[in-house]
N, C-alpha and C. Protein backbone atom coordinates (compact mmCIF):
# COMPACT_ATOMS: atom_id res chain seq x y z
N GLU A 1 70.36 -122.02 -10.41
CA GLU A 1 70.18 -122.23 -8.95
C GLU A 1 70.71 -120.85 -7.92
N LYS A 2 71.87 -120.70 -8.66
CA LYS A 2 72.60 -119.65 -7.35
C LYS A 2 72.01 -118.34 -7.77
N LEU A 3 71.16 -118.29 -8.76
CA LEU A 3 70.56 -116.78 -9.08
C LEU A 3 68.98 -116.93 -8.64
N HIS A 4 68.57 -118.04 -8.19
CA HIS A 4 67.08 -118.12 -7.91
C HIS A 4 66.05 -117.49 -9.23
N HIS A 5 66.65 -118.03 -10.30
CA HIS A 5 65.50 -117.97 -11.49
C HIS A 5 65.47 -119.03 -12.12
N CYS A 6 64.64 -119.00 -13.15
CA CYS A 6 64.14 -120.23 -14.33
C CYS A 6 65.25 -120.55 -15.26
N VAL A 7 66.24 -120.20 -15.38
CA VAL A 7 67.12 -120.79 -16.93
C VAL A 7 67.16 -122.08 -16.96
N ALA A 8 67.17 -122.67 -15.95
CA ALA A 8 67.40 -124.36 -16.16
C ALA A 8 66.38 -124.97 -16.76
N MET A 9 65.10 -124.11 -17.04
CA MET A 9 63.87 -124.37 -17.80
C MET A 9 64.18 -124.30 -19.31
N TYR A 10 65.29 -123.79 -19.40
CA TYR A 10 65.43 -123.31 -20.97
C TYR A 10 66.39 -124.41 -21.74
N ALA A 11 67.03 -125.44 -20.97
CA ALA A 11 67.39 -126.43 -21.47
C ALA A 11 67.36 -127.15 -22.90
N GLU A 12 66.04 -127.36 -23.19
CA GLU A 12 65.46 -127.63 -24.37
C GLU A 12 65.67 -126.89 -25.42
N ARG A 13 65.12 -125.86 -25.13
CA ARG A 13 65.40 -124.77 -25.80
C ARG A 13 66.88 -124.54 -26.52
N VAL A 14 67.86 -124.50 -25.87
CA VAL A 14 69.13 -124.48 -26.31
C VAL A 14 69.43 -125.60 -26.74
N ALA A 15 69.47 -126.68 -26.60
CA ALA A 15 69.31 -128.15 -27.15
C ALA A 15 69.14 -127.77 -28.61
N ASP A 16 67.48 -127.26 -28.81
CA ASP A 16 67.22 -127.26 -29.92
C ASP A 16 67.69 -126.12 -30.93
N LYS A 17 68.55 -125.30 -30.29
CA LYS A 17 69.25 -124.22 -31.14
C LYS A 17 68.34 -123.17 -31.25
N LYS A 18 67.21 -122.92 -30.18
CA LYS A 18 66.24 -121.87 -30.30
C LYS A 18 66.66 -120.46 -29.36
N CYS A 19 67.66 -120.69 -28.98
CA CYS A 19 68.39 -119.59 -27.88
C CYS A 19 69.74 -119.90 -27.41
N TYR A 20 70.32 -119.22 -27.10
CA TYR A 20 71.85 -119.31 -26.71
C TYR A 20 71.90 -118.62 -24.79
N ILE A 21 72.68 -119.21 -24.04
CA ILE A 21 72.60 -118.67 -22.39
C ILE A 21 73.99 -118.52 -22.39
N TYR A 22 74.18 -117.48 -21.99
CA TYR A 22 75.49 -117.10 -21.61
C TYR A 22 75.09 -116.75 -20.05
N PHE A 23 76.55 -116.35 -19.38
CA PHE A 23 76.66 -116.01 -18.03
C PHE A 23 77.26 -114.95 -17.89
N VAL A 24 76.97 -113.96 -17.47
CA VAL A 24 77.65 -112.40 -17.28
C VAL A 24 78.55 -112.66 -15.80
N ARG A 25 79.51 -112.15 -15.82
CA ARG A 25 80.17 -112.46 -14.45
C ARG A 25 81.47 -111.39 -14.66
N LYS A 26 81.59 -111.04 -13.07
CA LYS A 26 82.42 -109.91 -13.12
C LYS A 26 83.83 -109.78 -13.26
N GLN A 27 84.66 -109.89 -14.10
CA GLN A 27 85.95 -109.92 -13.97
C GLN A 27 86.82 -109.79 -12.61
N SER A 28 86.23 -109.19 -11.72
CA SER A 28 87.10 -109.47 -10.47
C SER A 28 86.33 -110.56 -9.93
N ASP A 29 85.52 -111.42 -10.29
CA ASP A 29 85.11 -112.53 -9.21
C ASP A 29 84.48 -113.40 -10.55
N PRO A 30 85.58 -113.90 -11.24
CA PRO A 30 84.92 -114.92 -12.48
C PRO A 30 84.07 -115.84 -11.89
N ASP A 31 84.36 -116.59 -10.76
CA ASP A 31 83.68 -117.80 -10.05
C ASP A 31 82.16 -117.42 -9.79
N ARG A 32 81.79 -116.23 -9.55
CA ARG A 32 80.67 -116.16 -9.01
C ARG A 32 79.48 -115.93 -10.15
N SER A 33 78.31 -116.58 -9.93
CA SER A 33 77.42 -116.13 -11.05
C SER A 33 76.76 -114.60 -10.79
N TYR A 34 76.71 -113.87 -11.79
CA TYR A 34 76.06 -112.35 -11.63
C TYR A 34 75.00 -112.25 -12.37
N TYR A 35 74.72 -112.53 -13.49
CA TYR A 35 73.60 -112.43 -14.08
C TYR A 35 73.65 -113.33 -15.49
N THR A 36 72.42 -113.99 -16.01
CA THR A 36 72.29 -114.83 -17.27
C THR A 36 71.76 -113.83 -18.37
N LEU A 37 72.38 -114.26 -19.30
CA LEU A 37 71.66 -113.64 -20.56
C LEU A 37 71.20 -114.88 -21.57
N GLU A 38 70.05 -114.27 -22.15
CA GLU A 38 69.79 -115.23 -23.43
C GLU A 38 69.69 -114.30 -24.67
N LEU A 39 70.19 -115.14 -25.67
CA LEU A 39 70.33 -114.81 -26.54
C LEU A 39 69.54 -115.44 -27.46
N SER A 40 68.70 -114.76 -28.98
CA SER A 40 68.19 -115.41 -29.98
C SER A 40 68.87 -116.01 -30.67
N PRO A 41 68.16 -116.98 -31.83
CA PRO A 41 69.57 -117.39 -32.77
C PRO A 41 70.12 -116.49 -33.49
N ASP A 42 69.42 -115.49 -33.74
CA ASP A 42 70.53 -114.26 -34.56
C ASP A 42 71.04 -113.46 -33.65
N GLY A 43 71.35 -113.82 -32.66
CA GLY A 43 72.27 -112.76 -31.45
C GLY A 43 72.02 -112.11 -31.17
N GLU A 44 70.66 -111.40 -31.02
CA GLU A 44 69.66 -110.37 -29.86
C GLU A 44 69.73 -110.94 -29.04
N VAL A 45 69.52 -109.83 -27.71
CA VAL A 45 69.94 -110.03 -26.53
C VAL A 45 67.82 -110.29 -26.25
N ARG A 46 67.75 -111.32 -25.83
CA ARG A 46 66.07 -111.47 -25.50
C ARG A 46 65.98 -111.06 -23.97
N GLN A 47 66.97 -111.34 -23.22
CA GLN A 47 66.82 -111.07 -21.50
C GLN A 47 68.07 -111.47 -20.81
N CYS A 48 68.04 -110.44 -19.86
CA CYS A 48 69.59 -110.62 -18.99
C CYS A 48 68.86 -110.47 -17.43
N ARG A 49 68.90 -111.44 -16.74
CA ARG A 49 68.60 -111.23 -15.34
C ARG A 49 69.47 -111.60 -14.32
N GLY A 50 69.62 -110.91 -13.13
CA GLY A 50 70.25 -111.29 -12.04
C GLY A 50 69.40 -112.01 -11.00
N MET A 51 69.94 -111.76 -9.77
CA MET A 51 69.50 -112.71 -8.89
C MET A 51 67.89 -112.45 -8.47
N GLN A 52 67.19 -113.68 -8.35
CA GLN A 52 65.67 -113.32 -8.25
C GLN A 52 65.09 -112.65 -9.59
N ASN A 53 65.47 -112.59 -10.36
CA ASN A 53 65.21 -111.76 -12.01
C ASN A 53 65.23 -110.56 -12.17
N CYS A 54 66.41 -109.89 -11.13
CA CYS A 54 66.08 -108.46 -10.93
C CYS A 54 66.91 -108.12 -12.57
N MET A 55 66.45 -106.89 -12.74
CA MET A 55 66.63 -105.97 -14.03
C MET A 55 68.32 -105.65 -13.94
N MET A 56 68.80 -105.20 -15.31
CA MET A 56 70.35 -105.03 -15.12
C MET A 56 70.10 -103.65 -14.58
N THR A 57 71.80 -103.67 -14.11
CA THR A 57 72.05 -102.59 -13.59
C THR A 57 72.61 -101.39 -14.59
N ASP A 58 73.00 -100.08 -14.47
CA ASP A 58 73.41 -99.68 -15.77
C ASP A 58 74.96 -99.92 -16.36
N GLU A 59 75.59 -100.40 -15.54
CA GLU A 59 76.78 -100.92 -15.94
C GLU A 59 76.79 -102.40 -16.62
N VAL A 60 75.97 -103.51 -16.17
CA VAL A 60 75.62 -104.33 -17.20
C VAL A 60 74.86 -104.11 -18.35
N LYS A 61 73.90 -103.29 -18.28
CA LYS A 61 73.49 -103.03 -19.76
C LYS A 61 74.32 -102.61 -20.75
N GLU A 62 75.57 -101.54 -20.07
CA GLU A 62 76.11 -100.99 -20.95
C GLU A 62 76.88 -102.51 -21.85
N ALA A 63 77.67 -103.30 -20.77
CA ALA A 63 78.34 -104.30 -21.44
C ALA A 63 77.38 -105.10 -22.10
N VAL A 64 76.40 -105.48 -21.61
CA VAL A 64 75.76 -106.75 -22.54
C VAL A 64 74.92 -105.78 -24.23
N GLU A 65 75.05 -104.49 -24.32
CA GLU A 65 74.79 -103.77 -25.65
C GLU A 65 75.55 -103.96 -26.04
N ALA A 66 77.13 -103.61 -26.02
CA ALA A 66 78.40 -103.67 -26.31
C ALA A 66 78.53 -105.31 -27.24
N PHE A 67 78.23 -106.16 -26.04
CA PHE A 67 78.16 -107.65 -26.38
C PHE A 67 77.01 -108.07 -27.54
N GLU A 68 76.37 -107.67 -27.57
CA GLU A 68 75.08 -107.71 -28.53
C GLU A 68 75.39 -107.16 -29.62
N LYS A 69 76.36 -106.10 -29.86
CA LYS A 69 76.65 -105.39 -31.29
C LYS A 69 77.62 -106.37 -31.59
N GLU A 70 78.70 -106.94 -31.10
CA GLU A 70 79.57 -107.74 -31.46
C GLU A 70 78.90 -109.48 -31.72
N THR A 71 78.10 -109.59 -30.84
CA THR A 71 77.21 -111.14 -31.78
C THR A 71 76.73 -110.86 -32.58
N ILE A 72 75.97 -109.88 -32.68
CA ILE A 72 75.14 -109.85 -34.09
C ILE A 72 75.91 -109.71 -35.29
N LYS A 73 77.15 -109.18 -35.36
CA LYS A 73 78.17 -108.76 -36.67
C LYS A 73 78.59 -110.40 -36.90
N ILE A 74 78.71 -110.87 -35.56
CA ILE A 74 79.34 -112.42 -35.62
C ILE A 74 78.68 -113.37 -36.39
N PHE A 75 77.09 -113.49 -36.15
CA PHE A 75 76.09 -114.21 -36.15
C PHE A 75 75.74 -113.78 -37.64
N ASN A 76 75.75 -112.44 -38.36
CA ASN A 76 75.59 -112.26 -39.55
C ASN A 76 76.80 -112.53 -40.54
N LYS A 77 77.76 -112.67 -39.89
CA LYS A 77 78.75 -113.23 -41.10
C LYS A 77 78.78 -114.86 -40.99
N LYS A 78 78.19 -115.39 -40.20
CA LYS A 78 77.85 -117.00 -40.32
C LYS A 78 76.85 -117.13 -41.53
N LYS A 79 75.84 -116.28 -41.20
CA LYS A 79 74.98 -116.60 -42.16
C LYS A 79 75.09 -116.06 -43.52
N LYS A 80 76.11 -115.24 -43.69
CA LYS A 80 76.44 -114.89 -44.91
C LYS A 80 77.34 -115.81 -45.59
N GLY A 81 77.94 -116.80 -44.44
CA GLY A 81 79.00 -117.72 -45.19
C GLY A 81 78.14 -118.70 -45.49
N LYS A 82 77.18 -119.25 -44.91
CA LYS A 82 76.20 -120.31 -45.29
C LYS A 82 75.49 -120.20 -46.56
N ALA A 83 75.38 -118.96 -46.88
CA ALA A 83 74.40 -118.64 -48.28
C ALA A 83 75.08 -118.66 -49.22
N ALA A 84 76.52 -118.16 -49.05
CA ALA A 84 77.25 -118.60 -50.54
C ALA A 84 77.56 -119.50 -50.97
């Protein structure tokens, strides 16, 4: 609601573990909505949108790419643990 985009429509997909939703916030203003990030079940970024579906700034894109790399590592470790 704060960012004026449709993330609320993803509630069922989140409940079914078809995606994960994270909120990107500035460290200097942690209580304010900044961007919404959707991850696939494998930890890959599907989309990241800001106010009224705006695209990521270079700063946000850099942070999201770093987050995605670490998230994929974590998701892969969990998969390996389940397969063992």
